[in-house]
Full PDB file with SEQRES, HELIX, SHEET, SSBOND, CRYST1, ORIGX, SCALE, CONECT and MASTER records, all heavy atoms in Angstrom:
SEQRES   1 A   35  VAL THR LEU ALA VAL ILE GLU GLY THR GLU TYR ARG ARG          
SEQRES   2 A   35  VAL ILE SER ILE SER GLY ALA GLY ARG SER SER SER PHE          
SEQRES   3 A   35  PRO ASP ASP GLU ARG VAL PRO LEU GLU                          
SHEET    1 AA1 3 THR A   2  GLU A   7  0                                        
SHEET    2 AA1 3 GLU A  10  SER A  16 -1                                        
SHEET    3 AA1 3 GLU A  30  PRO A  33 -1                                        
CRYST1    1.000    1.000    1.000  90.00  90.00  90.00 P 1           1          
ORIGX1      1.000000  0.000000  0.000000        0.00000                         
ORIGX2      0.000000  1.000000  0.000000        0.00000                         
ORIGX3      0.000000  0.000000  1.000000        0.00000                         
SCALE1      1.000000  0.000000  0.000000        0.00000                         
SCALE2      0.000000  1.000000  0.000000        0.00000                         
SCALE3      0.000000  0.000000  1.000000        0.00000                         
ATOM      1  N   VAL A   1       7.099   1.625  -4.363  1.00  0.00           N  
ATOM      2  CA  VAL A   1       6.127   2.580  -4.905  1.00  0.00           C  
ATOM      3  C   VAL A   1       4.747   2.001  -4.656  1.00  0.00           C  
ATOM      4  O   VAL A   1       4.477   0.846  -5.001  1.00  0.00           O  
ATOM      5  CB  VAL A   1       6.334   2.809  -6.413  1.00  0.00           C  
ATOM      6  CG1 VAL A   1       5.202   3.674  -6.975  1.00  0.00           C  
ATOM      7  CG2 VAL A   1       7.659   3.496  -6.679  1.00  0.00           C  
ATOM      8  N   THR A   2       3.874   2.813  -4.060  1.00  0.00           N  
ATOM      9  CA  THR A   2       2.549   2.332  -3.676  1.00  0.00           C  
ATOM     10  C   THR A   2       1.459   3.212  -4.273  1.00  0.00           C  
ATOM     11  O   THR A   2       1.556   4.443  -4.216  1.00  0.00           O  
ATOM     12  CB  THR A   2       2.394   2.309  -2.147  1.00  0.00           C  
ATOM     13  OG1 THR A   2       3.339   1.376  -1.592  1.00  0.00           O  
ATOM     14  CG2 THR A   2       0.989   1.902  -1.738  1.00  0.00           C  
ATOM     15  N   LEU A   3       0.453   2.583  -4.846  1.00  0.00           N  
ATOM     16  CA  LEU A   3      -0.756   3.274  -5.268  1.00  0.00           C  
ATOM     17  C   LEU A   3      -1.795   3.033  -4.178  1.00  0.00           C  
ATOM     18  O   LEU A   3      -2.185   1.894  -3.917  1.00  0.00           O  
ATOM     19  CB  LEU A   3      -1.252   2.729  -6.610  1.00  0.00           C  
ATOM     20  CG  LEU A   3      -2.571   3.302  -7.135  1.00  0.00           C  
ATOM     21  CD1 LEU A   3      -2.450   4.802  -7.381  1.00  0.00           C  
ATOM     22  CD2 LEU A   3      -3.002   2.585  -8.405  1.00  0.00           C  
ATOM     23  N   ALA A   4      -2.209   4.135  -3.502  1.00  0.00           N  
ATOM     24  CA  ALA A   4      -3.128   4.012  -2.377  1.00  0.00           C  
ATOM     25  C   ALA A   4      -4.357   4.883  -2.592  1.00  0.00           C  
ATOM     26  O   ALA A   4      -4.298   5.914  -3.267  1.00  0.00           O  
ATOM     27  CB  ALA A   4      -2.433   4.410  -1.079  1.00  0.00           C  
ATOM     28  N   VAL A   5      -5.460   4.465  -2.011  1.00  0.00           N  
ATOM     29  CA  VAL A   5      -6.720   5.210  -2.083  1.00  0.00           C  
ATOM     30  C   VAL A   5      -7.131   5.575  -0.666  1.00  0.00           C  
ATOM     31  O   VAL A   5      -7.200   4.700   0.211  1.00  0.00           O  
ATOM     32  CB  VAL A   5      -7.829   4.368  -2.755  1.00  0.00           C  
ATOM     33  CG1 VAL A   5      -9.139   5.141  -2.753  1.00  0.00           C  
ATOM     34  CG2 VAL A   5      -7.426   3.982  -4.172  1.00  0.00           C  
ATOM     35  N   ILE A   6      -7.370   6.860  -0.408  1.00  0.00           N  
ATOM     36  CA  ILE A   6      -7.812   7.302   0.911  1.00  0.00           C  
ATOM     37  C   ILE A   6      -9.309   7.027   1.046  1.00  0.00           C  
ATOM     38  O   ILE A   6     -10.113   7.465   0.219  1.00  0.00           O  
ATOM     39  CB  ILE A   6      -7.549   8.809   1.112  1.00  0.00           C  
ATOM     40  CG1 ILE A   6      -6.083   9.137   0.823  1.00  0.00           C  
ATOM     41  CG2 ILE A   6      -7.933   9.245   2.517  1.00  0.00           C  
ATOM     42  CD1 ILE A   6      -5.094   8.403   1.694  1.00  0.00           C  
ATOM     43  N   GLU A   7      -9.680   6.314   2.096  1.00  0.00           N  
ATOM     44  CA  GLU A   7     -11.078   5.969   2.345  1.00  0.00           C  
ATOM     45  C   GLU A   7     -11.404   6.276   3.801  1.00  0.00           C  
ATOM     46  O   GLU A   7     -11.161   5.460   4.694  1.00  0.00           O  
ATOM     47  CB  GLU A   7     -11.344   4.491   2.024  1.00  0.00           C  
ATOM     48  CG  GLU A   7     -11.117   4.148   0.550  1.00  0.00           C  
ATOM     49  CD  GLU A   7     -11.329   2.673   0.240  1.00  0.00           C  
ATOM     50  OE1 GLU A   7     -11.258   1.844   1.190  1.00  0.00           O  
ATOM     51  OE2 GLU A   7     -11.566   2.339  -0.934  1.00  0.00           O  
ATOM     52  N   GLY A   8     -11.917   7.489   4.033  1.00  0.00           N  
ATOM     53  CA  GLY A   8     -12.269   7.884   5.395  1.00  0.00           C  
ATOM     54  C   GLY A   8     -11.046   8.027   6.278  1.00  0.00           C  
ATOM     55  O   GLY A   8     -10.150   8.818   6.001  1.00  0.00           O  
ATOM     56  N   THR A   9     -10.982   7.223   7.324  1.00  0.00           N  
ATOM     57  CA  THR A   9      -9.893   7.321   8.299  1.00  0.00           C  
ATOM     58  C   THR A   9      -8.774   6.317   8.029  1.00  0.00           C  
ATOM     59  O   THR A   9      -7.913   6.093   8.881  1.00  0.00           O  
ATOM     60  CB  THR A   9     -10.434   7.090   9.723  1.00  0.00           C  
ATOM     61  OG1 THR A   9     -11.038   5.786   9.792  1.00  0.00           O  
ATOM     62  CG2 THR A   9     -11.455   8.157  10.090  1.00  0.00           C  
ATOM     63  N   GLU A  10      -8.812   5.700   6.880  1.00  0.00           N  
ATOM     64  CA  GLU A  10      -7.758   4.748   6.535  1.00  0.00           C  
ATOM     65  C   GLU A  10      -7.455   4.838   5.051  1.00  0.00           C  
ATOM     66  O   GLU A  10      -8.150   5.498   4.290  1.00  0.00           O  
ATOM     67  CB  GLU A  10      -8.179   3.317   6.892  1.00  0.00           C  
ATOM     68  CG  GLU A  10      -9.436   2.849   6.182  1.00  0.00           C  
ATOM     69  CD  GLU A  10      -9.892   1.470   6.645  1.00  0.00           C  
ATOM     70  OE1 GLU A  10      -9.430   1.027   7.716  1.00  0.00           O  
ATOM     71  OE2 GLU A  10     -10.694   0.856   5.938  1.00  0.00           O  
ATOM     72  N   TYR A  11      -6.337   4.245   4.661  1.00  0.00           N  
ATOM     73  CA  TYR A  11      -6.041   4.173   3.232  1.00  0.00           C  
ATOM     74  C   TYR A  11      -5.905   2.718   2.823  1.00  0.00           C  
ATOM     75  O   TYR A  11      -5.514   1.853   3.616  1.00  0.00           O  
ATOM     76  CB  TYR A  11      -4.792   4.985   2.866  1.00  0.00           C  
ATOM     77  CG  TYR A  11      -3.466   4.412   3.305  1.00  0.00           C  
ATOM     78  CD1 TYR A  11      -2.765   3.509   2.482  1.00  0.00           C  
ATOM     79  CD2 TYR A  11      -2.870   4.804   4.507  1.00  0.00           C  
ATOM     80  CE1 TYR A  11      -1.541   3.008   2.873  1.00  0.00           C  
ATOM     81  CE2 TYR A  11      -1.645   4.300   4.889  1.00  0.00           C  
ATOM     82  CZ  TYR A  11      -0.973   3.412   4.075  1.00  0.00           C  
ATOM     83  OH  TYR A  11       0.243   2.911   4.452  1.00  0.00           O  
ATOM     84  N   ARG A  12      -6.266   2.473   1.569  1.00  0.00           N  
ATOM     85  CA  ARG A  12      -6.197   1.110   1.040  1.00  0.00           C  
ATOM     86  C   ARG A  12      -5.062   1.045   0.015  1.00  0.00           C  
ATOM     87  O   ARG A  12      -5.023   1.811  -0.934  1.00  0.00           O  
ATOM     88  CB  ARG A  12      -7.524   0.724   0.392  1.00  0.00           C  
ATOM     89  CG  ARG A  12      -7.516  -0.656  -0.267  1.00  0.00           C  
ATOM     90  CD  ARG A  12      -8.944  -1.089  -0.623  1.00  0.00           C  
ATOM     91  NE  ARG A  12      -9.596  -0.128  -1.500  1.00  0.00           N  
ATOM     92  CZ  ARG A  12      -9.496  -0.166  -2.834  1.00  0.00           C  
ATOM     93  NH1 ARG A  12      -8.772  -1.105  -3.435  1.00  0.00           N  
ATOM     94  NH2 ARG A  12     -10.127   0.728  -3.577  1.00  0.00           N  
ATOM     95  N   ARG A  13      -4.133   0.158   0.266  1.00  0.00           N  
ATOM     96  CA  ARG A  13      -3.002  -0.028  -0.626  1.00  0.00           C  
ATOM     97  C   ARG A  13      -3.452  -0.883  -1.809  1.00  0.00           C  
ATOM     98  O   ARG A  13      -3.667  -2.088  -1.681  1.00  0.00           O  
ATOM     99  CB  ARG A  13      -1.835  -0.681   0.114  1.00  0.00           C  
ATOM    100  CG  ARG A  13      -0.567  -0.791  -0.692  1.00  0.00           C  
ATOM    101  CD  ARG A  13       0.570  -1.410   0.093  1.00  0.00           C  
ATOM    102  NE  ARG A  13       1.096  -0.498   1.091  1.00  0.00           N  
ATOM    103  CZ  ARG A  13       0.960  -0.649   2.399  1.00  0.00           C  
ATOM    104  NH1 ARG A  13       0.273  -1.678   2.873  1.00  0.00           N  
ATOM    105  NH2 ARG A  13       1.466   0.215   3.248  1.00  0.00           N  
ATOM    106  N   VAL A  14      -3.622  -0.259  -2.981  1.00  0.00           N  
ATOM    107  CA  VAL A  14      -4.106  -0.977  -4.152  1.00  0.00           C  
ATOM    108  C   VAL A  14      -3.031  -1.910  -4.690  1.00  0.00           C  
ATOM    109  O   VAL A  14      -3.282  -3.076  -4.975  1.00  0.00           O  
ATOM    110  CB  VAL A  14      -4.547   0.020  -5.252  1.00  0.00           C  
ATOM    111  CG1 VAL A  14      -5.027  -0.737  -6.491  1.00  0.00           C  
ATOM    112  CG2 VAL A  14      -5.650   0.934  -4.726  1.00  0.00           C  
ATOM    113  N   ILE A  15      -1.839  -1.369  -4.838  1.00  0.00           N  
ATOM    114  CA  ILE A  15      -0.738  -2.167  -5.370  1.00  0.00           C  
ATOM    115  C   ILE A  15       0.574  -1.552  -4.925  1.00  0.00           C  
ATOM    116  O   ILE A  15       0.703  -0.335  -4.832  1.00  0.00           O  
ATOM    117  CB  ILE A  15      -0.789  -2.245  -6.922  1.00  0.00           C  
ATOM    118  CG1 ILE A  15       0.355  -3.084  -7.487  1.00  0.00           C  
ATOM    119  CG2 ILE A  15      -0.784  -0.864  -7.536  1.00  0.00           C  
ATOM    120  CD1 ILE A  15       0.269  -4.556  -7.187  1.00  0.00           C  
ATOM    121  N   SER A  16       1.544  -2.387  -4.585  1.00  0.00           N  
ATOM    122  CA  SER A  16       2.883  -1.920  -4.248  1.00  0.00           C  
ATOM    123  C   SER A  16       3.890  -2.612  -5.155  1.00  0.00           C  
ATOM    124  O   SER A  16       3.783  -3.821  -5.404  1.00  0.00           O  
ATOM    125  CB  SER A  16       3.227  -2.213  -2.783  1.00  0.00           C  
ATOM    126  OG  SER A  16       2.490  -1.383  -1.913  1.00  0.00           O  
ATOM    127  N   ILE A  17       4.841  -1.842  -5.633  1.00  0.00           N  
ATOM    128  CA  ILE A  17       5.889  -2.394  -6.481  1.00  0.00           C  
ATOM    129  C   ILE A  17       7.233  -2.050  -5.867  1.00  0.00           C  
ATOM    130  O   ILE A  17       7.473  -0.905  -5.474  1.00  0.00           O  
ATOM    131  CB  ILE A  17       5.797  -1.826  -7.920  1.00  0.00           C  
ATOM    132  CG1 ILE A  17       4.514  -2.333  -8.587  1.00  0.00           C  
ATOM    133  CG2 ILE A  17       7.020  -2.178  -8.741  1.00  0.00           C  
ATOM    134  CD1 ILE A  17       4.324  -1.854  -9.999  1.00  0.00           C  
ATOM    135  N   SER A  18       8.105  -3.033  -5.774  1.00  0.00           N  
ATOM    136  CA  SER A  18       9.415  -2.830  -5.178  1.00  0.00           C  
ATOM    137  C   SER A  18      10.425  -2.406  -6.222  1.00  0.00           C  
ATOM    138  O   SER A  18      10.270  -2.663  -7.417  1.00  0.00           O  
ATOM    139  CB  SER A  18       9.891  -4.128  -4.506  1.00  0.00           C  
ATOM    140  OG  SER A  18       9.010  -4.510  -3.482  1.00  0.00           O  
ATOM    141  N   GLY A  19      11.477  -1.720  -5.733  1.00  0.00           N  
ATOM    142  CA  GLY A  19      12.562  -1.321  -6.614  1.00  0.00           C  
ATOM    143  C   GLY A  19      13.373  -2.518  -7.058  1.00  0.00           C  
ATOM    144  O   GLY A  19      13.176  -3.646  -6.583  1.00  0.00           O  
ATOM    145  N   ALA A  20      14.298  -2.276  -7.962  1.00  0.00           N  
ATOM    146  CA  ALA A  20      15.121  -3.352  -8.522  1.00  0.00           C  
ATOM    147  C   ALA A  20      15.871  -4.082  -7.414  1.00  0.00           C  
ATOM    148  O   ALA A  20      16.463  -3.477  -6.527  1.00  0.00           O  
ATOM    149  CB  ALA A  20      16.119  -2.769  -9.527  1.00  0.00           C  
ATOM    150  N   GLY A  21      15.801  -5.374  -7.484  1.00  0.00           N  
ATOM    151  CA  GLY A  21      16.543  -6.196  -6.542  1.00  0.00           C  
ATOM    152  C   GLY A  21      15.906  -6.319  -5.180  1.00  0.00           C  
ATOM    153  O   GLY A  21      16.490  -6.879  -4.260  1.00  0.00           O  
ATOM    154  N   ARG A  22      14.705  -5.825  -5.004  1.00  0.00           N  
ATOM    155  CA  ARG A  22      14.019  -5.891  -3.714  1.00  0.00           C  
ATOM    156  C   ARG A  22      12.726  -6.691  -3.858  1.00  0.00           C  
ATOM    157  O   ARG A  22      12.120  -6.704  -4.915  1.00  0.00           O  
ATOM    158  CB  ARG A  22      13.693  -4.488  -3.184  1.00  0.00           C  
ATOM    159  CG  ARG A  22      14.914  -3.593  -3.002  1.00  0.00           C  
ATOM    160  CD  ARG A  22      14.482  -2.203  -2.544  1.00  0.00           C  
ATOM    161  NE  ARG A  22      15.584  -1.275  -2.456  1.00  0.00           N  
ATOM    162  CZ  ARG A  22      16.343  -1.105  -1.375  1.00  0.00           C  
ATOM    163  NH1 ARG A  22      16.098  -1.815  -0.290  1.00  0.00           N  
ATOM    164  NH2 ARG A  22      17.323  -0.238  -1.365  1.00  0.00           N  
ATOM    165  N   SER A  23      12.333  -7.317  -2.767  1.00  0.00           N  
ATOM    166  CA  SER A  23      11.076  -8.056  -2.789  1.00  0.00           C  
ATOM    167  C   SER A  23      10.011  -7.236  -2.075  1.00  0.00           C  
ATOM    168  O   SER A  23      10.297  -6.473  -1.155  1.00  0.00           O  
ATOM    169  CB  SER A  23      11.248  -9.408  -2.078  1.00  0.00           C  
ATOM    170  OG  SER A  23      11.683  -9.218  -0.747  1.00  0.00           O  
ATOM    171  N   SER A  24       8.769  -7.371  -2.532  1.00  0.00           N  
ATOM    172  CA  SER A  24       7.681  -6.605  -1.949  1.00  0.00           C  
ATOM    173  C   SER A  24       7.426  -7.052  -0.516  1.00  0.00           C  
ATOM    174  O   SER A  24       7.389  -8.236  -0.213  1.00  0.00           O  
ATOM    175  CB  SER A  24       6.404  -6.790  -2.781  1.00  0.00           C  
ATOM    176  OG  SER A  24       5.341  -6.084  -2.195  1.00  0.00           O  
ATOM    177  N   SER A  25       7.275  -6.046   0.374  1.00  0.00           N  
ATOM    178  CA  SER A  25       7.046  -6.378   1.785  1.00  0.00           C  
ATOM    179  C   SER A  25       5.638  -5.995   2.226  1.00  0.00           C  
ATOM    180  O   SER A  25       5.308  -6.133   3.393  1.00  0.00           O  
ATOM    181  CB  SER A  25       8.071  -5.643   2.662  1.00  0.00           C  
ATOM    182  OG  SER A  25       8.036  -4.252   2.427  1.00  0.00           O  
ATOM    183  N   PHE A  26       4.813  -5.500   1.294  1.00  0.00           N  
ATOM    184  CA  PHE A  26       3.461  -5.073   1.640  1.00  0.00           C  
ATOM    185  C   PHE A  26       2.440  -5.852   0.825  1.00  0.00           C  
ATOM    186  O   PHE A  26       2.574  -5.961  -0.393  1.00  0.00           O  
ATOM    187  CB  PHE A  26       3.276  -3.584   1.362  1.00  0.00           C  
ATOM    188  CG  PHE A  26       4.203  -2.700   2.145  1.00  0.00           C  
ATOM    189  CD1 PHE A  26       5.165  -1.958   1.480  1.00  0.00           C  
ATOM    190  CD2 PHE A  26       4.110  -2.619   3.515  1.00  0.00           C  
ATOM    191  CE1 PHE A  26       6.028  -1.137   2.196  1.00  0.00           C  
ATOM    192  CE2 PHE A  26       4.965  -1.800   4.240  1.00  0.00           C  
ATOM    193  CZ  PHE A  26       5.933  -1.064   3.576  1.00  0.00           C  
ATOM    194  N   PRO A  27       1.411  -6.379   1.464  1.00  0.00           N  
ATOM    195  CA  PRO A  27       0.358  -7.063   0.710  1.00  0.00           C  
ATOM    196  C   PRO A  27      -0.530  -6.062  -0.008  1.00  0.00           C  
ATOM    197  O   PRO A  27      -0.792  -4.972   0.496  1.00  0.00           O  
ATOM    198  CB  PRO A  27      -0.422  -7.806   1.811  1.00  0.00           C  
ATOM    199  CG  PRO A  27      -0.192  -6.998   3.049  1.00  0.00           C  
ATOM    200  CD  PRO A  27       1.193  -6.430   2.916  1.00  0.00           C  
ATOM    201  N   ASP A  28      -0.998  -6.443  -1.210  1.00  0.00           N  
ATOM    202  CA  ASP A  28      -1.922  -5.587  -1.940  1.00  0.00           C  
ATOM    203  C   ASP A  28      -3.288  -5.582  -1.257  1.00  0.00           C  
ATOM    204  O   ASP A  28      -3.670  -6.533  -0.587  1.00  0.00           O  
ATOM    205  CB  ASP A  28      -2.076  -6.094  -3.380  1.00  0.00           C  
ATOM    206  CG  ASP A  28      -0.779  -5.990  -4.159  1.00  0.00           C  
ATOM    207  OD1 ASP A  28       0.120  -5.253  -3.706  1.00  0.00           O  
ATOM    208  OD2 ASP A  28      -0.671  -6.660  -5.205  1.00  0.00           O  
ATOM    209  N   ASP A  29      -4.010  -4.489  -1.436  1.00  0.00           N  
ATOM    210  CA  ASP A  29      -5.353  -4.304  -0.909  1.00  0.00           C  
ATOM    211  C   ASP A  29      -5.385  -4.266   0.621  1.00  0.00           C  
ATOM    212  O   ASP A  29      -6.447  -4.451   1.234  1.00  0.00           O  
ATOM    213  CB  ASP A  29      -6.306  -5.393  -1.428  1.00  0.00           C  
ATOM    214  CG  ASP A  29      -7.681  -4.818  -1.734  1.00  0.00           C  
ATOM    215  OD1 ASP A  29      -7.749  -3.676  -2.230  1.00  0.00           O  
ATOM    216  OD2 ASP A  29      -8.676  -5.506  -1.456  1.00  0.00           O  
ATOM    217  N   GLU A  30      -4.261  -4.017   1.239  1.00  0.00           N  
ATOM    218  CA  GLU A  30      -4.200  -3.882   2.697  1.00  0.00           C  
ATOM    219  C   GLU A  30      -4.816  -2.552   3.110  1.00  0.00           C  
ATOM    220  O   GLU A  30      -4.646  -1.534   2.439  1.00  0.00           O  
ATOM    221  CB  GLU A  30      -2.745  -3.938   3.164  1.00  0.00           C  
ATOM    222  CG  GLU A  30      -2.571  -3.775   4.670  1.00  0.00           C  
ATOM    223  CD  GLU A  30      -1.109  -3.680   5.067  1.00  0.00           C  
ATOM    224  OE1 GLU A  30      -0.295  -3.263   4.220  1.00  0.00           O  
ATOM    225  OE2 GLU A  30      -0.793  -4.013   6.214  1.00  0.00           O  
ATOM    226  N   ARG A  31      -5.543  -2.522   4.220  1.00  0.00           N  
ATOM    227  CA  ARG A  31      -6.127  -1.294   4.746  1.00  0.00           C  
ATOM    228  C   ARG A  31      -5.346  -0.885   5.988  1.00  0.00           C  
ATOM    229  O   ARG A  31      -5.125  -1.695   6.890  1.00  0.00           O  
ATOM    230  CB  ARG A  31      -7.606  -1.496   5.085  1.00  0.00           C  
ATOM    231  CG  ARG A  31      -8.454  -1.766   3.852  1.00  0.00           C  
ATOM    232  CD  ARG A  31      -9.916  -1.995   4.190  1.00  0.00           C  
ATOM    233  NE  ARG A  31     -10.683  -2.293   2.990  1.00  0.00           N  
ATOM    234  CZ  ARG A  31     -11.227  -1.368   2.204  1.00  0.00           C  
ATOM    235  NH1 ARG A  31     -11.091  -0.082   2.519  1.00  0.00           N  
ATOM    236  NH2 ARG A  31     -11.903  -1.710   1.124  1.00  0.00           N  
ATOM    237  N   VAL A  32      -4.947   0.403   6.024  1.00  0.00           N  
ATOM    238  CA  VAL A  32      -4.093   0.894   7.107  1.00  0.00           C  
ATOM    239  C   VAL A  32      -4.703   2.159   7.687  1.00  0.00           C  
ATOM    240  O   VAL A  32      -5.043   3.079   6.933  1.00  0.00           O  
ATOM    241  CB  VAL A  32      -2.668   1.206   6.581  1.00  0.00           C  
ATOM    242  CG1 VAL A  32      -1.775   1.697   7.718  1.00  0.00           C  
ATOM    243  CG2 VAL A  32      -2.068  -0.015   5.907  1.00  0.00           C  
ATOM    244  N   PRO A  33      -4.871   2.244   9.020  1.00  0.00           N  
ATOM    245  CA  PRO A  33      -5.395   3.470   9.631  1.00  0.00           C  
ATOM    246  C   PRO A  33      -4.464   4.644   9.352  1.00  0.00           C  
ATOM    247  O   PRO A  33      -3.235   4.501   9.389  1.00  0.00           O  
ATOM    248  CB  PRO A  33      -5.436   3.139  11.128  1.00  0.00           C  
ATOM    249  CG  PRO A  33      -5.454   1.642  11.188  1.00  0.00           C  
ATOM    250  CD  PRO A  33      -4.646   1.179  10.008  1.00  0.00           C  
ATOM    251  N   LEU A  34      -5.059   5.805   9.074  1.00  0.00           N  
ATOM    252  CA  LEU A  34      -4.258   6.998   8.811  1.00  0.00           C  
ATOM    253  C   LEU A  34      -3.641   7.559  10.089  1.00  0.00           C  
ATOM    254  O   LEU A  34      -2.525   8.074  10.064  1.00  0.00           O  
ATOM    255  CB  LEU A  34      -5.125   8.079   8.161  1.00  0.00           C  
ATOM    256  CG  LEU A  34      -5.431   7.895   6.672  1.00  0.00           C  
ATOM    257  CD1 LEU A  34      -6.473   8.926   6.226  1.00  0.00           C  
ATOM    258  CD2 LEU A  34      -4.171   8.041   5.835  1.00  0.00           C  
ATOM    259  N   GLU A  35      -4.355   7.457  11.208  1.00  0.00           N  
ATOM    260  CA  GLU A  35      -3.885   8.044  12.456  1.00  0.00           C  
ATOM    261  C   GLU A  35      -2.551   7.429  12.870  1.00  0.00           C  
ATOM    262  O   GLU A  35      -2.400   6.205  12.936  1.00  0.00           O  
ATOM    263  CB  GLU A  35      -4.925   7.845  13.567  1.00  0.00           C  
ATOM    264  CG  GLU A  35      -4.549   8.570  14.848  1.00  0.00           C  
ATOM    265  CD  GLU A  35      -5.616   8.431  15.914  1.00  0.00           C  
ATOM    266  OE1 GLU A  35      -6.683   7.838  15.623  1.00  0.00           O  
ATOM    267  OE2 GLU A  35      -5.391   8.914  17.037  1.00  0.00           O  
TER     268      GLU A  35                                                      
MASTER        0    0    0    0    3    0    0    6  267    1    0    3          
END                                                                             
């Protein structure tokens, strides 16, 4: 589950939380192009 903020042509991943028994594979505050 990811809380993301859209900023122009990219989104910023504020926080990601993994389901039970899983480890997080995404760094927080990562910026990802929308395209």
